[in-house]
């Protein structure tokens, strides 16, 4: 569980900065508006990523695939 949480945090921080850059570049929105968008969308994505990663770990740790 610790690895999933650390990976999710690192992923989310990177996604935050990428989202700010994309919103600012694509829409021309102000940095403040881009930051609001970058908090919401990556936050939701982080939850999905964590659930997906935990499911992946559970599936492959419980199977006998070697």
PDB file of N, CA and C in Angstrom:
ATOM      1  N   UNK A   1       0.817  -1.187   0.000  1.00  0.00           N
ATOM      2  CA  UNK A   1       0.000   0.000   0.000  1.00  0.00           C
ATOM      3  C   UNK A   1       0.869   1.262   0.000  1.00  0.00           C
ATOM      4  N   UNK A   2       1.998   1.219   0.678  1.00  0.00           N
ATOM      5  CA  UNK A   2       2.879   2.375   0.762  1.00  0.00           C
ATOM      6  C   UNK A   2       3.414   2.767  -0.621  1.00  0.00           C
ATOM      7  N   UNK A   3       3.792   1.777  -1.422  1.00  0.00           N
ATOM      8  CA  UNK A   3       4.311   2.056  -2.763  1.00  0.00           C
ATOM      9  C   UNK A   3       3.231   2.709  -3.629  1.00  0.00           C
ATOM     10  N   UNK A   4       2.006   2.236  -3.526  1.00  0.00           N
ATOM     11  CA  UNK A   4       0.905   2.821  -4.305  1.00  0.00           C
ATOM     12  C   UNK A   4       0.680   4.271  -3.914  1.00  0.00           C
ATOM     13  N   UNK A   5       0.721   4.559  -2.639  1.00  0.00           N
ATOM     14  CA  UNK A   5       0.488   5.920  -2.166  1.00  0.00           C
ATOM     15  C   UNK A   5       1.610   6.861  -2.611  1.00  0.00           C
ATOM     16  N   UNK A   6       2.847   6.423  -2.487  1.00  0.00           N
ATOM     17  CA  UNK A   6       3.983   7.253  -2.911  1.00  0.00           C
ATOM     18  C   UNK A   6       3.932   7.498  -4.411  1.00  0.00           C
ATOM     19  N   UNK A   7       3.670   6.466  -5.178  1.00  0.00           N
ATOM     20  CA  UNK A   7       3.571   6.605  -6.631  1.00  0.00           C
ATOM     21  C   UNK A   7       2.434   7.555  -7.008  1.00  0.00           C
ATOM     22  N   UNK A   8       1.315   7.453  -6.320  1.00  0.00           N
ATOM     23  CA  UNK A   8       0.179   8.329  -6.583  1.00  0.00           C
ATOM     24  C   UNK A   8       0.520   9.785  -6.284  1.00  0.00           C
ATOM     25  N   UNK A   9       1.213  10.036  -5.199  1.00  0.00           N
ATOM     26  CA  UNK A   9       1.592  11.404  -4.839  1.00  0.00           C
ATOM     27  C   UNK A   9       2.537  11.997  -5.877  1.00  0.00           C
ATOM     28  N   UNK A  10       3.546  11.247  -6.273  1.00  0.00           N
ATOM     29  CA  UNK A  10       4.493  11.724  -7.284  1.00  0.00           C
ATOM     30  C   UNK A  10       3.775  11.980  -8.607  1.00  0.00           C
ATOM     31  N   UNK A  11       2.923  11.063  -9.004  1.00  0.00           N
ATOM     32  CA  UNK A  11       2.146  11.202 -10.235  1.00  0.00           C
ATOM     33  C   UNK A  11       1.280  12.458 -10.187  1.00  0.00           C
ATOM     34  N   UNK A  12       0.618  12.697  -9.057  1.00  0.00           N
ATOM     35  CA  UNK A  12      -0.289  13.827  -8.922  1.00  0.00           C
ATOM     36  C   UNK A  12       0.448  15.160  -8.965  1.00  0.00           C
ATOM     37  N   UNK A  13       1.591  15.238  -8.326  1.00  0.00           N
ATOM     38  CA  UNK A  13       2.378  16.478  -8.355  1.00  0.00           C
ATOM     39  C   UNK A  13       2.801  16.799  -9.789  1.00  0.00           C
ATOM     40  N   UNK A  14       3.296  15.800 -10.498  1.00  0.00           N
ATOM     41  CA  UNK A  14       3.668  16.011 -11.894  1.00  0.00           C
ATOM     42  C   UNK A  14       2.479  16.391 -12.751  1.00  0.00           C
ATOM     43  N   UNK A  15       1.362  15.724 -12.524  1.00  0.00           N
ATOM     44  CA  UNK A  15       0.148  15.990 -13.292  1.00  0.00           C
ATOM     45  C   UNK A  15      -0.345  17.415 -13.039  1.00  0.00           C
ATOM     46  N   UNK A  16      -0.205  17.896 -11.823  1.00  0.00           N
ATOM     47  CA  UNK A  16      -0.603  19.255 -11.472  1.00  0.00           C
ATOM     48  C   UNK A  16       0.130  20.275 -12.349  1.00  0.00           C
ATOM     49  N   UNK A  17       1.441  20.150 -12.431  1.00  0.00           N
ATOM     50  CA  UNK A  17       2.223  21.098 -13.228  1.00  0.00           C
ATOM     51  C   UNK A  17       1.944  20.966 -14.728  1.00  0.00           C
ATOM     52  N   UNK A  18       1.762  19.750 -15.189  1.00  0.00           N
ATOM     53  CA  UNK A  18       1.438  19.531 -16.597  1.00  0.00           C
ATOM     54  C   UNK A  18       0.083  20.139 -16.931  1.00  0.00           C
ATOM     55  N   UNK A  19      -0.885  19.968 -16.033  1.00  0.00           N
ATOM     56  CA  UNK A  19      -2.225  20.519 -16.266  1.00  0.00           C
ATOM     57  C   UNK A  19      -2.204  22.046 -16.309  1.00  0.00           C
ATOM     58  N   UNK A  20      -1.442  22.678 -15.421  1.00  0.00           N
ATOM     59  CA  UNK A  20      -1.332  24.143 -15.449  1.00  0.00           C
ATOM     60  C   UNK A  20      -0.767  24.593 -16.792  1.00  0.00           C
ATOM     61  N   UNK A  21       0.297  23.950 -17.223  1.00  0.00           N
ATOM     62  CA  UNK A  21       0.926  24.335 -18.488  1.00  0.00           C
ATOM     63  C   UNK A  21      -0.032  24.144 -19.660  1.00  0.00           C
ATOM     64  N   UNK A  22      -0.733  23.031 -19.696  1.00  0.00           N
ATOM     65  CA  UNK A  22      -1.648  22.753 -20.810  1.00  0.00           C
ATOM     66  C   UNK A  22      -2.811  23.736 -20.842  1.00  0.00           C
ATOM     67  N   UNK A  23      -3.443  23.979 -19.706  1.00  0.00           N
ATOM     68  CA  UNK A  23      -4.587  24.896 -19.684  1.00  0.00           C
ATOM     69  C   UNK A  23      -4.151  26.297 -20.075  1.00  0.00           C
ATOM     70  N   UNK A  24      -3.022  26.736 -19.553  1.00  0.00           N
ATOM     71  CA  UNK A  24      -2.531  28.070 -19.889  1.00  0.00           C
ATOM     72  C   UNK A  24      -2.200  28.167 -21.372  1.00  0.00           C
ATOM     73  N   UNK A  25      -1.521  27.183 -21.893  1.00  0.00           N
ATOM     74  CA  UNK A  25      -1.103  27.209 -23.297  1.00  0.00           C
ATOM     75  C   UNK A  25      -2.282  27.058 -24.253  1.00  0.00           C
ATOM     76  N   UNK A  26      -3.152  26.091 -23.996  1.00  0.00           N
ATOM     77  CA  UNK A  26      -4.233  25.781 -24.928  1.00  0.00           C
ATOM     78  C   UNK A  26      -5.339  26.835 -24.891  1.00  0.00           C
ATOM     79  N   UNK A  27      -5.737  27.258 -23.692  1.00  0.00           N
ATOM     80  CA  UNK A  27      -6.873  28.176 -23.589  1.00  0.00           C
ATOM     81  C   UNK A  27      -6.457  29.624 -23.409  1.00  0.00           C
ATOM     82  N   UNK A  28      -5.225  29.858 -23.000  1.00  0.00           N
ATOM     83  CA  UNK A  28      -4.792  31.224 -22.727  1.00  0.00           C
ATOM     84  C   UNK A  28      -5.335  31.752 -21.413  1.00  0.00           C
ATOM     85  N   UNK A  29      -5.848  30.846 -20.577  1.00  0.00           N
ATOM     86  CA  UNK A  29      -6.414  31.243 -19.290  1.00  0.00           C
ATOM     87  C   UNK A  29      -5.318  31.795 -18.382  1.00  0.00           C
ATOM     88  N   UNK A  30      -5.744  32.580 -17.404  1.00  0.00           N
ATOM     89  CA  UNK A  30      -4.787  33.118 -16.436  1.00  0.00           C
ATOM     90  C   UNK A  30      -4.209  31.977 -15.604  1.00  0.00           C
ATOM     91  N   UNK A  31      -3.106  32.260 -14.968  1.00  0.00           N
ATOM     92  CA  UNK A  31      -2.445  31.248 -14.144  1.00  0.00           C
ATOM     93  C   UNK A  31      -3.343  30.807 -12.989  1.00  0.00           C
ATOM     94  N   UNK A  32      -4.127  31.729 -12.437  1.00  0.00           N
ATOM     95  CA  UNK A  32      -5.035  31.388 -11.334  1.00  0.00           C
ATOM     96  C   UNK A  32      -6.117  30.408 -11.768  1.00  0.00           C
ATOM     97  N   UNK A  33      -6.722  30.667 -12.924  1.00  0.00           N
ATOM     98  CA  UNK A  33      -7.752  29.763 -13.450  1.00  0.00           C
ATOM     99  C   UNK A  33      -7.138  28.415 -13.803  1.00  0.00           C
ATOM    100  N   UNK A  34      -5.973  28.434 -14.401  1.00  0.00           N
ATOM    101  CA  UNK A  34      -5.292  27.185 -14.747  1.00  0.00           C
ATOM    102  C   UNK A  34      -4.968  26.384 -13.493  1.00  0.00           C
ATOM    103  N   UNK A  35      -4.581  27.065 -12.411  1.00  0.00           N
ATOM    104  CA  UNK A  35      -4.261  26.370 -11.160  1.00  0.00           C
ATOM    105  C   UNK A  35      -5.502  25.716 -10.558  1.00  0.00           C
ATOM    106  N   UNK A  36      -6.644  26.396 -10.628  1.00  0.00           N
ATOM    107  CA  UNK A  36      -7.886  25.805 -10.109  1.00  0.00           C
ATOM    108  C   UNK A  36      -8.214  24.538 -10.881  1.00  0.00           C
ATOM    109  N   UNK A  37      -8.146  24.625 -12.202  1.00  0.00           N
ATOM    110  CA  UNK A  37      -8.393  23.443 -13.026  1.00  0.00           C
ATOM    111  C   UNK A  37      -7.381  22.348 -12.720  1.00  0.00           C
ATOM    112  N   UNK A  38      -6.136  22.746 -12.514  1.00  0.00           N
ATOM    113  CA  UNK A  38      -5.072  21.769 -12.257  1.00  0.00           C
ATOM    114  C   UNK A  38      -5.209  21.111 -10.894  1.00  0.00           C
ATOM    115  N   UNK A  39      -5.924  21.697  -9.983  1.00  0.00           N
ATOM    116  CA  UNK A  39      -6.170  21.050  -8.689  1.00  0.00           C
ATOM    117  C   UNK A  39      -7.305  20.039  -8.777  1.00  0.00           C
ATOM    118  N   UNK A  40      -8.342  20.385  -9.500  1.00  0.00           N
ATOM    119  CA  UNK A  40      -9.530  19.533  -9.565  1.00  0.00           C
ATOM    120  C   UNK A  40      -9.289  18.286 -10.406  1.00  0.00           C
ATOM    121  N   UNK A  41      -8.894  18.468 -11.644  1.00  0.00           N
ATOM    122  CA  UNK A  41      -8.758  17.332 -12.561  1.00  0.00           C
ATOM    123  C   UNK A  41      -7.681  16.336 -12.121  1.00  0.00           C
ATOM    124  N   UNK A  42      -6.474  16.769 -11.777  1.00  0.00           N
ATOM    125  CA  UNK A  42      -5.489  15.796 -11.310  1.00  0.00           C
ATOM    126  C   UNK A  42      -5.874  15.148  -9.974  1.00  0.00           C
ATOM    127  N   UNK A  43      -6.617  15.875  -9.152  1.00  0.00           N
ATOM    128  CA  UNK A  43      -7.074  15.274  -7.888  1.00  0.00           C
ATOM    129  C   UNK A  43      -7.987  14.088  -8.128  1.00  0.00           C
ATOM    130  N   UNK A  44      -8.922  14.267  -9.047  1.00  0.00           N
ATOM    131  CA  UNK A  44      -9.821  13.167  -9.416  1.00  0.00           C
ATOM    132  C   UNK A  44      -9.026  12.041 -10.076  1.00  0.00           C
ATOM    133  N   UNK A  45      -8.098  12.414 -10.938  1.00  0.00           N
ATOM    134  CA  UNK A  45      -7.251  11.418 -11.597  1.00  0.00           C
ATOM    135  C   UNK A  45      -6.393  10.656 -10.587  1.00  0.00           C
ATOM    136  N   UNK A  46      -5.931  11.326  -9.545  1.00  0.00           N
ATOM    137  CA  UNK A  46      -5.108  10.672  -8.526  1.00  0.00           C
ATOM    138  C   UNK A  46      -5.888   9.572  -7.814  1.00  0.00           C
ATOM    139  N   UNK A  47      -7.141   9.852  -7.511  1.00  0.00           N
ATOM    140  CA  UNK A  47      -7.982   8.834  -6.867  1.00  0.00           C
ATOM    141  C   UNK A  47      -8.125   7.626  -7.781  1.00  0.00           C
ATOM    142  N   UNK A  48      -8.424   7.875  -9.060  1.00  0.00           N
ATOM    143  CA  UNK A  48      -8.562   6.792 -10.027  1.00  0.00           C
ATOM    144  C   UNK A  48      -7.262   6.011 -10.159  1.00  0.00           C
ATOM    145  N   UNK A  49      -6.127   6.721 -10.244  1.00  0.00           N
ATOM    146  CA  UNK A  49      -4.827   6.067 -10.386  1.00  0.00           C
ATOM    147  C   UNK A  49      -4.530   5.176  -9.180  1.00  0.00           C
ATOM    148  N   UNK A  50      -4.816   5.663  -7.982  1.00  0.00           N
ATOM    149  CA  UNK A  50      -4.568   4.889  -6.764  1.00  0.00           C
ATOM    150  C   UNK A  50      -5.409   3.610  -6.764  1.00  0.00           C
ATOM    151  N   UNK A  51      -6.693   3.751  -7.082  1.00  0.00           N
ATOM    152  CA  UNK A  51      -7.577   2.576  -7.125  1.00  0.00           C
ATOM    153  C   UNK A  51      -7.083   1.582  -8.179  1.00  0.00           C
ATOM    154  N   UNK A  52      -6.718   2.098  -9.345  1.00  0.00           N
ATOM    155  CA  UNK A  52      -6.224   1.245 -10.421  1.00  0.00           C
ATOM    156  C   UNK A  52      -4.935   0.527 -10.015  1.00  0.00           C
ATOM    157  N   UNK A  53      -4.012   1.259  -9.403  1.00  0.00           N
ATOM    158  CA  UNK A  53      -2.733   0.676  -9.003  1.00  0.00           C
ATOM    159  C   UNK A  53      -2.924  -0.373  -7.907  1.00  0.00           C
ATOM    160  N   UNK A  54      -3.792  -0.094  -6.950  1.00  0.00           N
ATOM    161  CA  UNK A  54      -4.057  -1.074  -5.882  1.00  0.00           C
ATOM    162  C   UNK A  54      -4.708  -2.328  -6.468  1.00  0.00           C
ATOM    163  N   UNK A  55      -5.633  -2.159  -7.391  1.00  0.00           N
ATOM    164  CA  UNK A  55      -6.268  -3.305  -8.037  1.00  0.00           C
ATOM    165  C   UNK A  55      -5.267  -4.131  -8.825  1.00  0.00           C
ATOM    166  N   UNK A  56      -4.372  -3.454  -9.522  1.00  0.00           N
ATOM    167  CA  UNK A  56      -3.333  -4.126 -10.291  1.00  0.00           C
ATOM    168  C   UNK A  56      -2.431  -4.938  -9.365  1.00  0.00           C
ATOM    169  N   UNK A  57      -1.990  -4.311  -8.279  1.00  0.00           N
ATOM    170  CA  UNK A  57      -1.136  -5.019  -7.323  1.00  0.00           C
ATOM    171  C   UNK A  57      -1.853  -6.219  -6.715  1.00  0.00           C
ATOM    172  N   UNK A  58      -3.121  -6.028  -6.374  1.00  0.00           N
ATOM    173  CA  UNK A  58      -3.892  -7.119  -5.773  1.00  0.00           C
ATOM    174  C   UNK A  58      -4.052  -8.275  -6.765  1.00  0.00           C
ATOM    175  N   UNK A  59      -4.357  -7.947  -7.997  1.00  0.00           N
ATOM    176  CA  UNK A  59      -4.570  -8.978  -9.015  1.00  0.00           C
ATOM    177  C   UNK A  59      -3.294  -9.778  -9.253  1.00  0.00           C
ATOM    178  N   UNK A  60      -2.179  -9.108  -9.424  1.00  0.00           N
ATOM    179  CA  UNK A  60      -0.936  -9.816  -9.736  1.00  0.00           C
ATOM    180  C   UNK A  60      -0.273 -10.437  -8.522  1.00  0.00           C
ATOM    181  N   UNK A  61      -0.570  -9.946  -7.339  1.00  0.00           N
ATOM    182  CA  UNK A  61       0.007 -10.590  -6.153  1.00  0.00           C
ATOM    183  C   UNK A  61      -0.784 -11.841  -5.765  1.00  0.00           C
ATOM    184  N   UNK A  62      -2.093 -11.863  -6.120  1.00  0.00           N
ATOM    185  CA  UNK A  62      -2.896 -13.037  -5.777  1.00  0.00           C
ATOM    186  C   UNK A  62      -2.849 -14.123  -6.843  1.00  0.00           C
ATOM    187  N   UNK A  63      -2.407 -13.776  -8.042  1.00  0.00           N
ATOM    188  CA  UNK A  63      -2.311 -14.798  -9.085  1.00  0.00           C
ATOM    189  C   UNK A  63      -0.948 -15.471  -8.971  1.00  0.00           C
ATOM    190  N   UNK A  64      -0.847 -16.641  -9.537  1.00  0.00           N
ATOM    191  CA  UNK A  64       0.403 -17.397  -9.485  1.00  0.00           C
ATOM    192  C   UNK A  64       1.162 -17.265 -10.786  1.00  0.00           C
ATOM    193  N   UNK A  65       1.127 -16.098 -11.384  1.00  0.00           N
ATOM    194  CA  UNK A  65       1.822 -15.875 -12.639  1.00  0.00           C
ATOM    195  C   UNK A  65       3.279 -15.555 -12.328  1.00  0.00           C
ATOM    196  N   UNK A  66       4.189 -16.407 -12.753  1.00  0.00           N
ATOM    197  CA  UNK A  66       5.619 -16.168 -12.525  1.00  0.00           C
ATOM    198  C   UNK A  66       6.379 -16.278 -13.801  1.00  0.00           C
TER     199      UNK A  66
END
